Amino acid sequence: MQAQSLSLDHLEGGEACHEDEGELSDTHILIEEHFYQIKMSLFDKEGHKITLTDNLRFKSLSLDSQWIEIVKTNKIGSELVIKTKKIATDTVVLNTQHLLTEVIPVAQGGEKYVWSASRLTQEKELIITKPVQI
């Protein structure tokens, strides 16, 4: 299995506006004081998307609260709504990690399985910038 945060959609008026900058890009450029939705996905060895279930837990690391506010997250952590904060400089660069951290057993009383495999971790560079002035 492989974990990827494939999309980062700009939210405008509550609606997601997908801006295609190459789905597998390792860098996303964000504008200060805007809302974005991050979605994590799992893929098998052949690249087929795996349906996410309630027994999975994802975690997003390095979303520095100085620059990013987590507004909303779903139960398993695979979808986040974030808001970029106002920045003092022209750009701020953040290196983030999104990973599958554990699988909770469906049967009651079973033990949680905690992942440590790096293949289930996706690293992205986020660049927060000021709006373009024309």
C-alpha atoms as a PDB file:
ATOM      1  CA  MET A   1       0.000   0.000   0.000  1.00  0.00           C
ATOM      2  CA  GLN A   2       0.998   3.559  -0.560  1.00  0.00           C
ATOM      3  CA  ALA A   3      -0.387   6.725   1.086  1.00  0.00           C
ATOM      4  CA  GLN A   4      -0.637   9.986  -0.827  1.00  0.00           C
ATOM      5  CA  SER A   5      -2.182  13.372  -0.254  1.00  0.00           C
ATOM      6  CA  LEU A   6      -3.175  13.784  -3.865  1.00  0.00           C
ATOM      7  CA  SER A   7      -5.235  16.885  -3.832  1.00  0.00           C
ATOM      8  CA  LEU A   8      -5.281  20.248  -2.212  1.00  0.00           C
ATOM      9  CA  ASP A   9      -8.366  22.189  -3.255  1.00  0.00           C
ATOM     10  CA  HIS A  10      -8.882  25.914  -2.785  1.00  0.00           C
ATOM     11  CA  LEU A  11     -12.214  26.514  -1.055  1.00  0.00           C
ATOM     12  CA  GLU A  12     -14.119  29.536  -2.297  1.00  0.00           C
ATOM     13  CA  GLY A  13     -17.467  30.315  -0.696  1.00  0.00           C
ATOM     14  CA  GLY A  14     -17.643  26.792   0.758  1.00  0.00           C
ATOM     15  CA  GLU A  15     -17.119  25.150  -2.666  1.00  0.00           C
ATOM     16  CA  ALA A  16     -13.939  23.271  -3.616  1.00  0.00           C
ATOM     17  CA  CYS A  17     -12.126  24.679  -6.644  1.00  0.00           C
ATOM     18  CA  HIS A  18      -9.525  22.152  -7.750  1.00  0.00           C
ATOM     19  CA  GLU A  19      -6.502  23.825  -9.233  1.00  0.00           C
ATOM     20  CA  ASP A  20      -4.589  21.242 -11.269  1.00  0.00           C
ATOM     21  CA  GLU A  21      -0.900  21.717 -10.693  1.00  0.00           C
ATOM     22  CA  GLY A  22       0.053  18.149 -11.438  1.00  0.00           C
ATOM     23  CA  GLU A  23      -1.627  15.627  -9.165  1.00  0.00           C
ATOM     24  CA  LEU A  24       1.609  14.084  -7.908  1.00  0.00           C
ATOM     25  CA  SER A  25       3.458  17.350  -7.395  1.00  0.00           C
ATOM     26  CA  ASP A  26       5.520  17.459  -4.201  1.00  0.00           C
ATOM     27  CA  THR A  27       4.881  21.204  -3.824  1.00  0.00           C
ATOM     28  CA  HIS A  28       1.673  23.162  -3.364  1.00  0.00           C
ATOM     29  CA  ILE A  29       1.507  26.957  -3.521  1.00  0.00           C
ATOM     30  CA  LEU A  30      -1.067  28.498  -1.190  1.00  0.00           C
ATOM     31  CA  ILE A  31      -2.232  32.095  -0.795  1.00  0.00           C
ATOM     32  CA  GLU A  32      -2.320  33.674   2.651  1.00  0.00           C
ATOM     33  CA  GLU A  33      -5.693  33.943   4.397  1.00  0.00           C
ATOM     34  CA  HIS A  34      -7.424  31.383   2.135  1.00  0.00           C
ATOM     35  CA  PHE A  35      -9.142  28.074   2.898  1.00  0.00           C
ATOM     36  CA  TYR A  36      -7.946  24.765   1.414  1.00  0.00           C
ATOM     37  CA  GLN A  37      -9.073  21.152   1.628  1.00  0.00           C
ATOM     38  CA  ILE A  38      -6.463  18.380   1.875  1.00  0.00           C
ATOM     39  CA  LYS A  39      -7.511  14.808   1.002  1.00  0.00           C
ATOM     40  CA  MET A  40      -5.417  11.721   1.744  1.00  0.00           C
ATOM     41  CA  SER A  41      -5.782   8.531  -0.305  1.00  0.00           C
ATOM     42  CA  LEU A  42      -4.424   4.975  -0.188  1.00  0.00           C
ATOM     43  CA  PHE A  43      -3.371   2.982  -3.268  1.00  0.00           C
ATOM     44  CA  ASP A  44      -2.459  -0.674  -3.733  1.00  0.00           C
ATOM     45  CA  LYS A  45       0.719  -1.871  -5.498  1.00  0.00           C
ATOM     46  CA  GLU A  46      -0.938  -1.561  -8.911  1.00  0.00           C
ATOM     47  CA  GLY A  47      -2.012   2.018  -8.243  1.00  0.00           C
ATOM     48  CA  HIS A  48      -5.715   1.292  -7.622  1.00  0.00           C
ATOM     49  CA  LYS A  49      -7.375   3.580  -5.091  1.00  0.00           C
ATOM     50  CA  ILE A  50      -8.427   1.836  -1.862  1.00  0.00           C
ATOM     51  CA  THR A  51     -11.713   2.813  -0.204  1.00  0.00           C
ATOM     52  CA  LEU A  52     -11.051   4.397   3.186  1.00  0.00           C
ATOM     53  CA  THR A  53     -12.972   2.955   6.149  1.00  0.00           C
ATOM     54  CA  ASP A  54     -13.711   4.135   9.697  1.00  0.00           C
ATOM     55  CA  ASN A  55     -11.033   1.879  11.215  1.00  0.00           C
ATOM     56  CA  LEU A  56      -8.135   3.867   9.693  1.00  0.00           C
ATOM     57  CA  ARG A  57      -6.426   6.840  11.335  1.00  0.00           C
ATOM     58  CA  PHE A  58      -4.399   9.432   9.452  1.00  0.00           C
ATOM     59  CA  LYS A  59      -2.237  12.148  10.943  1.00  0.00           C
ATOM     60  CA  SER A  60      -0.885  15.340   9.397  1.00  0.00           C
ATOM     61  CA  LEU A  61       2.423  16.454  10.866  1.00  0.00           C
ATOM     62  CA  SER A  62       4.282  19.726  10.603  1.00  0.00           C
ATOM     63  CA  LEU A  63       1.208  21.853   9.920  1.00  0.00           C
ATOM     64  CA  ASP A  64       2.755  24.717  11.886  1.00  0.00           C
ATOM     65  CA  SER A  65       0.016  26.564  13.809  1.00  0.00           C
ATOM     66  CA  GLN A  66       1.946  29.801  13.284  1.00  0.00           C
ATOM     67  CA  TRP A  67       1.076  29.642   9.555  1.00  0.00           C
ATOM     68  CA  ILE A  68      -1.825  27.178   9.223  1.00  0.00           C
ATOM     69  CA  GLU A  69      -5.054  26.791  11.169  1.00  0.00           C
ATOM     70  CA  ILE A  70      -6.806  23.409  11.009  1.00  0.00           C
ATOM     71  CA  VAL A  71     -10.460  24.393  10.688  1.00  0.00           C
ATOM     72  CA  LYS A  72     -12.061  20.972  10.316  1.00  0.00           C
ATOM     73  CA  THR A  73     -11.069  17.317  10.022  1.00  0.00           C
ATOM     74  CA  ASN A  74     -13.076  14.167   9.399  1.00  0.00           C
ATOM     75  CA  LYS A  75     -13.257  11.253  11.866  1.00  0.00           C
ATOM     76  CA  ILE A  76     -10.292   9.343  10.420  1.00  0.00           C
ATOM     77  CA  GLY A  77      -8.134  12.384   9.611  1.00  0.00           C
ATOM     78  CA  SER A  78      -8.041  11.760   5.849  1.00  0.00           C
ATOM     79  CA  GLU A  79      -9.691  15.077   4.958  1.00  0.00           C
ATOM     80  CA  LEU A  80      -8.752  18.430   6.462  1.00  0.00           C
ATOM     81  CA  VAL A  81      -9.923  21.971   5.895  1.00  0.00           C
ATOM     82  CA  ILE A  82      -7.132  24.426   6.642  1.00  0.00           C
ATOM     83  CA  LYS A  83      -6.811  28.200   6.563  1.00  0.00           C
ATOM     84  CA  THR A  84      -3.502  29.856   5.825  1.00  0.00           C
ATOM     85  CA  LYS A  85      -2.691  32.748   8.127  1.00  0.00           C
ATOM     86  CA  LYS A  86      -1.406  36.202   7.211  1.00  0.00           C
ATOM     87  CA  ILE A  87       2.354  36.215   6.609  1.00  0.00           C
ATOM     88  CA  ALA A  88       4.818  39.070   7.171  1.00  0.00           C
ATOM     89  CA  THR A  89       7.287  38.070   4.442  1.00  0.00           C
ATOM     90  CA  ASP A  90       6.655  37.392   0.736  1.00  0.00           C
ATOM     91  CA  THR A  91       6.689  33.602   1.181  1.00  0.00           C
ATOM     92  CA  VAL A  92       6.836  30.942   3.896  1.00  0.00           C
ATOM     93  CA  VAL A  93       7.965  27.386   3.107  1.00  0.00           C
ATOM     94  CA  LEU A  94       6.691  24.443   5.190  1.00  0.00           C
ATOM     95  CA  ASN A  95       7.596  20.772   4.846  1.00  0.00           C
ATOM     96  CA  THR A  96       4.625  18.638   5.861  1.00  0.00           C
ATOM     97  CA  GLN A  97       3.995  14.929   6.338  1.00  0.00           C
ATOM     98  CA  HIS A  98       0.688  13.096   6.004  1.00  0.00           C
ATOM     99  CA  LEU A  99       0.657   9.476   7.147  1.00  0.00           C
ATOM    100  CA  LEU A 100      -1.491   6.479   7.983  1.00  0.00           C
ATOM    101  CA  THR A 101      -0.723   5.935  11.665  1.00  0.00           C
ATOM    102  CA  GLU A 102      -2.920   3.039  12.749  1.00  0.00           C
ATOM    103  CA  VAL A 103      -5.565   0.515  11.795  1.00  0.00           C
ATOM    104  CA  ILE A 104      -8.204  -0.111  14.467  1.00  0.00           C
ATOM    105  CA  PRO A 105      -9.566  -3.686  14.395  1.00  0.00           C
ATOM    106  CA  VAL A 106     -13.182  -4.119  13.359  1.00  0.00           C
ATOM    107  CA  ALA A 107     -13.752  -6.864  15.951  1.00  0.00           C
ATOM    108  CA  GLN A 108     -14.271  -5.603  19.521  1.00  0.00           C
ATOM    109  CA  GLY A 109     -11.349  -6.196  21.857  1.00  0.00           C
ATOM    110  CA  GLY A 110      -8.749  -6.560  19.103  1.00  0.00           C
ATOM    111  CA  GLU A 111      -5.419  -4.751  19.269  1.00  0.00           C
ATOM    112  CA  LYS A 112      -4.694  -1.629  17.269  1.00  0.00           C
ATOM    113  CA  TYR A 113      -2.050  -1.993  14.597  1.00  0.00           C
ATOM    114  CA  VAL A 114       0.337   0.960  14.464  1.00  0.00           C
ATOM    115  CA  TRP A 115       2.082   1.632  11.131  1.00  0.00           C
ATOM    116  CA  SER A 116       5.677   2.694  10.959  1.00  0.00           C
ATOM    117  CA  ALA A 117       6.302   2.025   7.276  1.00  0.00           C
ATOM    118  CA  SER A 118       7.644   5.024   5.396  1.00  0.00           C
ATOM    119  CA  ARG A 119       5.739   3.977   2.268  1.00  0.00           C
ATOM    120  CA  LEU A 120       2.559   5.050   4.052  1.00  0.00           C
ATOM    121  CA  THR A 121       3.910   8.562   4.533  1.00  0.00           C
ATOM    122  CA  GLN A 122       3.577  11.363   2.001  1.00  0.00           C
ATOM    123  CA  GLU A 123       5.764  14.448   2.272  1.00  0.00           C
ATOM    124  CA  LYS A 124       4.688  17.716   0.676  1.00  0.00           C
ATOM    125  CA  GLU A 125       6.200  21.160   0.539  1.00  0.00           C
ATOM    126  CA  LEU A 126       3.691  23.957   1.116  1.00  0.00           C
ATOM    127  CA  ILE A 127       4.618  27.457   0.040  1.00  0.00           C
ATOM    128  CA  ILE A 128       2.413  30.206   1.445  1.00  0.00           C
ATOM    129  CA  THR A 129       2.576  33.421  -0.522  1.00  0.00           C
ATOM    130  CA  LYS A 130       0.857  36.789  -0.656  1.00  0.00           C
ATOM    131  CA  PRO A 131      -1.783  37.321  -3.369  1.00  0.00           C
ATOM    132  CA  VAL A 132      -0.470  38.385  -6.748  1.00  0.00           C
ATOM    133  CA  GLN A 133      -0.966  42.109  -7.355  1.00  0.00           C
ATOM    134  CA  ILE A 134      -1.399  43.258 -10.952  1.00  0.00           C
END
